[in-house]
Each structure stands twice: as C-alpha cells, then as structure tokens.
N, C-alpha and C. Protein backbone atom coordinates (compact mmCIF):
# COMPACT_ATOMS: atom_id res chain seq x y z
N MET A 1 35.88 20.46 60.89
CA MET A 1 36.57 21.07 60.16
C MET A 1 35.99 21.02 58.91
N LEU A 2 35.80 22.30 58.06
CA LEU A 2 35.34 22.16 56.75
C LEU A 2 36.47 22.06 55.70
N LYS A 3 36.78 21.02 55.08
CA LYS A 3 37.88 20.67 54.22
C LYS A 3 37.35 21.48 52.72
N LEU A 4 38.33 22.31 52.32
CA LEU A 4 37.87 23.18 50.98
C LEU A 4 38.51 21.97 50.08
N PRO A 5 37.70 22.04 48.60
CA PRO A 5 38.16 21.11 47.79
C PRO A 5 39.45 21.55 46.93
N ASN A 6 40.53 21.05 46.75
CA ASN A 6 41.61 21.34 45.99
C ASN A 6 41.27 21.89 44.52
N ALA A 7 42.12 22.62 43.77
CA ALA A 7 42.00 23.19 42.35
C ALA A 7 42.00 22.06 41.54
N ALA A 8 42.88 20.89 41.64
CA ALA A 8 42.60 19.84 40.92
C ALA A 8 41.20 19.25 40.93
N ALA A 9 40.71 18.84 41.97
CA ALA A 9 39.24 18.60 42.14
C ALA A 9 38.32 19.22 41.63
N LEU A 10 38.40 20.72 41.75
CA LEU A 10 37.59 21.64 41.02
C LEU A 10 37.59 21.50 39.59
N ASN A 11 38.68 21.41 38.89
CA ASN A 11 39.26 21.35 37.60
C ASN A 11 38.23 19.99 36.84
N ARG A 12 38.50 19.05 37.57
CA ARG A 12 37.68 17.67 37.31
C ARG A 12 36.39 17.88 37.21
N LEU A 13 35.84 18.46 38.51
CA LEU A 13 34.27 18.65 38.26
C LEU A 13 34.05 19.59 37.30
N ILE A 14 34.58 20.33 36.95
CA ILE A 14 34.44 21.75 35.75
C ILE A 14 34.18 20.70 34.43
N LYS A 15 35.21 19.93 34.35
CA LYS A 15 35.31 19.08 32.85
C LYS A 15 34.05 18.37 32.85
N GLU A 16 34.10 17.55 33.87
CA GLU A 16 32.74 16.69 34.02
C GLU A 16 31.38 17.55 33.75
N VAL A 17 31.33 18.77 34.32
CA VAL A 17 30.01 19.28 34.03
C VAL A 17 30.11 19.77 32.55
N ALA A 18 30.96 19.97 31.93
CA ALA A 18 31.06 20.47 30.59
C ALA A 18 30.86 19.31 29.59
N GLY A 19 31.23 18.16 30.15
CA GLY A 19 31.11 16.97 29.53
C GLY A 19 29.72 16.81 29.46
N LEU A 20 28.93 16.66 30.52
CA LEU A 20 27.34 16.73 30.87
C LEU A 20 26.70 17.44 29.88
N LYS A 21 27.24 18.47 29.81
CA LYS A 21 26.48 19.46 28.86
C LYS A 21 26.72 19.21 27.38
N GLU A 22 27.72 18.94 27.00
CA GLU A 22 27.92 18.28 25.63
C GLU A 22 27.12 17.01 25.65
N ASP A 23 26.96 16.46 26.21
CA ASP A 23 26.03 14.60 25.98
C ASP A 23 24.53 15.31 26.13
N THR A 24 24.28 16.18 26.89
CA THR A 24 22.72 16.54 26.86
C THR A 24 22.79 17.28 25.36
N ARG A 25 23.45 18.24 24.99
CA ARG A 25 23.18 18.99 23.72
C ARG A 25 23.15 17.99 22.46
N LYS A 26 24.29 16.65 22.68
CA LYS A 26 24.06 15.64 21.55
C LYS A 26 22.81 14.98 21.73
N LEU A 27 21.86 14.66 22.97
CA LEU A 27 20.84 13.78 23.24
C LEU A 27 19.62 14.83 22.58
N LEU A 28 19.80 16.16 22.65
CA LEU A 28 18.66 17.08 22.15
C LEU A 28 18.78 17.08 20.84
N VAL A 29 20.11 17.14 20.18
CA VAL A 29 20.19 17.13 18.80
C VAL A 29 19.48 15.70 17.95
N GLY A 30 19.97 14.71 18.77
CA GLY A 30 19.34 13.32 18.65
C GLY A 30 17.91 13.19 18.77
N GLN A 31 17.21 13.80 19.70
CA GLN A 31 15.99 13.89 19.75
C GLN A 31 15.33 14.79 18.36
N ALA A 32 15.69 15.61 18.25
CA ALA A 32 15.24 16.48 17.15
C ALA A 32 15.47 15.71 15.93
N ALA A 33 16.47 15.09 15.53
CA ALA A 33 16.70 14.16 14.31
C ALA A 33 15.34 13.12 14.28
N ALA A 34 15.51 12.64 15.49
CA ALA A 34 14.25 11.54 15.64
C ALA A 34 12.79 12.03 15.40
N VAL A 35 12.46 13.30 15.93
CA VAL A 35 11.35 13.85 15.48
C VAL A 35 11.10 14.18 14.13
N SER A 36 12.09 14.58 13.57
CA SER A 36 12.16 14.78 12.22
C SER A 36 11.81 13.53 11.39
N LEU A 37 12.51 12.47 11.60
CA LEU A 37 12.72 11.30 11.01
C LEU A 37 11.22 10.76 11.19
N LEU A 38 10.43 10.72 12.59
CA LEU A 38 9.03 10.20 12.76
C LEU A 38 8.00 10.93 11.67
N GLY A 39 8.38 12.34 11.52
CA GLY A 39 7.40 12.98 10.72
C GLY A 39 7.55 12.59 9.44
N THR A 40 8.56 12.65 8.86
CA THR A 40 9.07 12.00 7.54
C THR A 40 8.40 10.51 7.56
N VAL A 41 8.43 9.59 8.65
CA VAL A 41 7.68 8.40 8.30
C VAL A 41 6.12 8.57 8.48
N ASP A 42 5.86 9.43 9.07
CA ASP A 42 4.36 9.48 9.25
C ASP A 42 3.79 10.03 7.77
N ARG A 43 4.35 10.65 7.31
CA ARG A 43 4.18 11.29 5.73
C ARG A 43 4.29 10.09 4.75
N SER A 44 5.35 9.84 4.82
CA SER A 44 5.82 8.41 4.10
C SER A 44 4.46 7.41 4.04
N THR A 45 4.17 7.02 5.40
CA THR A 45 3.01 6.19 5.64
C THR A 45 1.44 6.31 5.06
N VAL A 46 1.14 7.80 5.13
CA VAL A 46 0.11 8.33 4.33
C VAL A 46 0.35 8.18 2.87
N LYS A 47 1.42 8.26 2.33
CA LYS A 47 1.62 8.19 1.00
C LYS A 47 1.15 6.90 0.54
N VAL A 48 1.92 5.98 1.31
CA VAL A 48 1.78 4.50 0.70
C VAL A 48 0.48 4.00 1.35
N GLY A 49 -0.62 4.46 1.97
CA GLY A 49 -1.65 4.21 2.51
C GLY A 49 -2.56 4.87 1.20
N LYS A 50 -1.93 5.96 0.61
CA LYS A 50 -3.32 6.38 -0.35
C LYS A 50 -2.89 5.61 -1.81
N GLU A 51 -1.60 5.17 -2.01
CA GLU A 51 -1.04 4.42 -3.29
C GLU A 51 -1.87 2.85 -3.10
N VAL A 52 -1.93 2.49 -1.75
CA VAL A 52 -2.55 1.08 -1.63
C VAL A 52 -4.33 1.26 -1.94
N ASN A 53 -4.58 2.32 -1.42
CA ASN A 53 -6.13 2.60 -1.46
C ASN A 53 -6.45 2.51 -3.27
N PHE A 54 -5.39 3.34 -3.85
CA PHE A 54 -5.47 3.42 -5.31
C PHE A 54 -5.35 2.02 -6.05
N VAL A 55 -4.68 1.36 -5.61
CA VAL A 55 -4.56 0.29 -6.22
C VAL A 55 -5.39 -0.63 -6.04
N ALA A 56 -5.97 -0.72 -4.70
CA ALA A 56 -7.27 -1.62 -4.44
C ALA A 56 -8.27 -1.17 -5.21
N THR A 57 -8.66 0.01 -5.53
CA THR A 57 -9.65 0.44 -6.13
C THR A 57 -9.65 0.08 -7.65
N ALA A 58 -8.36 -0.09 -8.46
CA ALA A 58 -8.00 -0.29 -9.69
C ALA A 58 -8.29 -1.80 -9.77
N VAL A 59 -7.96 -2.56 -8.78
CA VAL A 59 -8.11 -3.97 -8.61
C VAL A 59 -9.49 -4.55 -8.82
N VAL A 60 -10.44 -3.58 -7.79
CA VAL A 60 -12.04 -4.10 -8.17
C VAL A 60 -12.49 -3.31 -9.19
N LYS A 61 -12.22 -2.57 -10.06
CA LYS A 61 -12.51 -1.90 -11.19
C LYS A 61 -12.22 -3.21 -12.32
N VAL A 62 -10.69 -3.58 -12.51
CA VAL A 62 -10.66 -4.85 -13.36
C VAL A 62 -11.48 -6.04 -13.37
N GLU A 63 -11.62 -6.46 -11.54
CA GLU A 63 -12.53 -7.84 -11.52
C GLU A 63 -13.76 -7.43 -12.12
N LYS A 64 -14.45 -6.18 -11.89
CA LYS A 64 -15.85 -5.95 -12.31
C LYS A 64 -15.55 -6.25 -13.72
N ALA A 65 -14.54 -5.76 -14.55
CA ALA A 65 -14.56 -5.65 -16.15
C ALA A 65 -14.30 -6.90 -16.60
N VAL A 66 -13.74 -8.00 -15.91
CA VAL A 66 -13.48 -9.22 -16.36
C VAL A 66 -14.93 -9.99 -16.01
N GLU A 67 -15.50 -9.88 -14.88
CA GLU A 67 -16.74 -10.31 -14.80
C GLU A 67 -17.72 -10.14 -15.88
N LYS A 68 -17.97 -8.56 -16.60
CA LYS A 68 -18.66 -8.36 -17.38
C LYS A 68 -18.19 -9.05 -18.94
N LEU A 69 -16.99 -9.35 -19.33
CA LEU A 69 -16.26 -9.90 -20.39
C LEU A 69 -16.93 -11.37 -20.30
N ALA A 70 -16.77 -11.94 -19.13
CA ALA A 70 -17.00 -13.40 -18.77
C ALA A 70 -18.51 -13.51 -19.30
N ARG A 71 -19.41 -12.76 -18.78
CA ARG A 71 -20.78 -12.80 -18.87
C ARG A 71 -21.32 -12.73 -20.52
N ALA A 72 -20.43 -11.44 -21.16
CA ALA A 72 -20.60 -11.48 -22.53
C ALA A 72 -20.01 -12.67 -22.98
N ALA A 73 -19.14 -13.38 -22.72
CA ALA A 73 -18.52 -14.54 -23.70
C ALA A 73 -19.61 -15.60 -23.42
N SER A 74 -20.11 -15.55 -22.18
CA SER A 74 -20.96 -16.80 -21.92
C SER A 74 -22.13 -16.57 -23.05
N VAL A 75 -22.60 -15.37 -22.69
CA VAL A 75 -24.10 -15.19 -23.75
C VAL A 75 -23.65 -15.42 -25.11
N GLU A 76 -22.30 -14.99 -25.71
CA GLU A 76 -22.31 -14.92 -27.17
C GLU A 76 -21.96 -16.48 -27.40
N ALA A 77 -21.27 -17.52 -26.60
CA ALA A 77 -21.12 -18.89 -26.65
C ALA A 77 -22.63 -19.59 -26.78
N ARG A 78 -23.56 -19.23 -26.01
CA ARG A 78 -24.94 -19.64 -25.99
C ARG A 78 -25.62 -19.21 -27.32
N ALA A 79 -25.33 -18.11 -27.77
CA ALA A 79 -26.06 -17.43 -28.80
C ALA A 79 -25.47 -18.33 -30.03
N GLY A 80 -24.04 -18.06 -29.95
CA GLY A 80 -23.28 -18.61 -31.16
C GLY A 80 -23.76 -20.50 -31.27
N GLY A 81 -24.07 -21.14 -30.31
CA GLY A 81 -24.33 -22.23 -30.67
C GLY A 81 -25.67 -22.85 -31.10
N LYS A 82 -26.75 -21.64 -30.74
CA LYS A 82 -27.66 -21.98 -31.55
C LYS A 82 -27.93 -21.63 -32.68
N ARG A 83 -27.35 -20.43 -33.33
CA ARG A 83 -26.85 -19.99 -34.84
C ARG A 83 -26.36 -21.07 -35.50
N LYS A 84 -25.23 -22.02 -34.82
CA LYS A 84 -25.18 -23.08 -35.77
C LYS A 84 -26.02 -24.45 -35.59
N ARG A 85 -26.79 -24.36 -34.78
CA ARG A 85 -27.86 -25.37 -34.71
C ARG A 85 -28.65 -25.27 -36.27
N VAL A 86 -29.26 -23.61 -35.83
CA VAL A 86 -30.02 -23.56 -36.94
C VAL A 86 -29.52 -23.81 -38.59
N GLU A 87 -28.23 -23.29 -38.66
CA GLU A 87 -27.64 -23.39 -40.00
C GLU A 87 -27.33 -24.74 -40.54
N GLU A 88 -27.14 -25.85 -39.39
CA GLU A 88 -26.63 -26.99 -39.92
C GLU A 88 -28.22 -27.51 -40.15
N GLU A 89 -29.18 -27.34 -39.43
CA GLU A 89 -30.67 -27.74 -40.11
C GLU A 89 -30.86 -27.02 -41.33
N GLU A 90 -30.67 -25.76 -41.45
CA GLU A 90 -30.81 -25.47 -42.88
C GLU A 90 -30.07 -26.25 -43.89
N GLU A 91 -28.95 -26.47 -43.81
CA GLU A 91 -28.13 -27.07 -44.69
C GLU A 91 -28.37 -28.57 -45.02
N ASN A 92 -29.18 -28.99 -43.90
CA ASN A 92 -29.62 -30.54 -44.10
C ASN A 92 -31.18 -30.63 -44.71
N GLY A 93 -31.59 -29.45 -45.03
CA GLY A 93 -32.71 -29.30 -45.86
C GLY A 93 -33.90 -29.35 -45.24
N ARG A 94 -33.69 -29.35 -43.76
CA ARG A 94 -35.06 -29.48 -42.90
C ARG A 94 -35.50 -27.87 -42.44
N GLY A 95 -34.62 -26.94 -42.94
CA GLY A 95 -35.49 -25.87 -42.48
C GLY A 95 -35.16 -25.43 -41.19
N PHE A 96 -35.78 -24.14 -40.79
CA PHE A 96 -35.86 -23.91 -39.56
C PHE A 96 -36.96 -24.73 -38.26
N VAL A 97 -36.57 -25.56 -37.54
CA VAL A 97 -37.45 -26.48 -36.74
C VAL A 97 -37.40 -25.72 -35.19
N PRO A 98 -38.20 -25.03 -34.76
CA PRO A 98 -38.09 -24.76 -33.32
C PRO A 98 -38.12 -25.73 -32.31
N THR A 99 -37.37 -25.87 -31.56
CA THR A 99 -37.48 -26.87 -30.67
C THR A 99 -37.94 -26.46 -29.03
N VAL A 100 -38.49 -26.99 -28.29
CA VAL A 100 -38.89 -26.33 -27.01
C VAL A 100 -37.84 -27.04 -26.25
N ARG A 101 -37.73 -26.36 -25.12
CA ARG A 101 -36.81 -27.06 -23.90
C ARG A 101 -37.34 -26.71 -22.94
C-alpha cells in the first residue's frame, strides 16, 4: 500500500524548501559581495604597487644625488687642501713651490 503524506508533513516540507531557497539567495548575495570586494582589493593592490614603484624610483634618484654630492665634496676637499698649502707657503715667503707626488 502506498501511504500518502499528511498535510502537516507537506507543510513542513514546503517550509524547508522555502528556507533552502532563502539560504541559497543569501549565499548568492554573499558571493556577489565577495566578488565585488575581491575586485576592490585587486584595484587597491594595483594602486599600492604603482605607489611602491614611484617611491622606489624616488629613492634611487635621491641615492644618485647623494653620490654626486659626496663626490663633489670629496673633490672640493682635495682642492681646498692644495689651496691651503699654497697659501701657507706664500705666507712663509717661500712662494709657490710645486711638489711632485
């Protein structure tokens, strides 16, 4: 014999199906939000990457400028020392005496 489900069982089944539909809808909404968030994260990552590259380029330029200044200061220090020696010799009355090194 085939037993027919009673009305209470059918109502319970209908409610469970409705609950599954609602859960599925919530999952889809959550998935859409996650996809949107991932897109935002991707765009933010690209922006941060560009900013990091910009800063790295600026650091390289500053390093080169510091190297140039250091070389210029070194050259000036050597030239200043030679000038001072010549001035001291002139003050001592010996005049300019070239030295070979």
